[in-house]
C-alpha cells in the first residue's frame, strides 16, 4: 500500500490516517520523530485495512443467509440467529458464538477456504446455540454434517484446528496453535 505523509506545524500531537483508494493518507505533527511516526503509521494502516476487509466481507448478507440455510437443513430451522459476520480480530479462532445474544462471528481468514469448510464452521457455531460446550451432545449435532471430519482435517492441515476426537477431547499432540472456542 502506498503511503502519503503530510507533516504540519499546526498539528500539535495527534496523527490521523485515512484510506483513499489504495493510498494511506497520514496527517502528522511536524515535531514527531520519524521512527515513532513509522510505528504509528504501521499500526494505523493495519487497523484501517482490517476495517476495510471486514466491511467488504460483510457488505452482503451472504454469511447470514448461509447460516439460515444450514439452520433449516441441520437444525430444522429452530435456532434463532441474530447476526453472523466476519471479523478481523480472531487470529487464534476460526469462529465464536455468543449463545445469549445469538451472534456468530467468523474469522476473515475463512473467507478464502472452500465453502464446505466454512459450512462446517458455521454448523459448529450454530450447534453452540443449542449446547454452549463441547460435550457429547454438542458433537452429535456437529457430526450430522456429512463433511465434518473432512473439514476438520482441512482446518488441521492449515493449522487452524486442534487435533481432537469428535467428543471434543484434545489429543496429546494438540499444540500451541490450537483453536479456542
Foldseek 3Di string as FASTA:
>chain_A
DAEDEDEDCPDDQDKDWDDDPNYIYIYYHPPDDPVVVVVVSVVVVVVRVQVVLQCVQPVDQVLVVLLQVCCCVQVVSPFDAPHEGEHAPFPLAQKAADLVVNYIYGHSVCVPPDPLLVSLVSQLRSLCNVPVDLAPVSLVSSVVSVCNVVSQVVCVVVLRAADDDSRPDGDPPGDPSHHDD
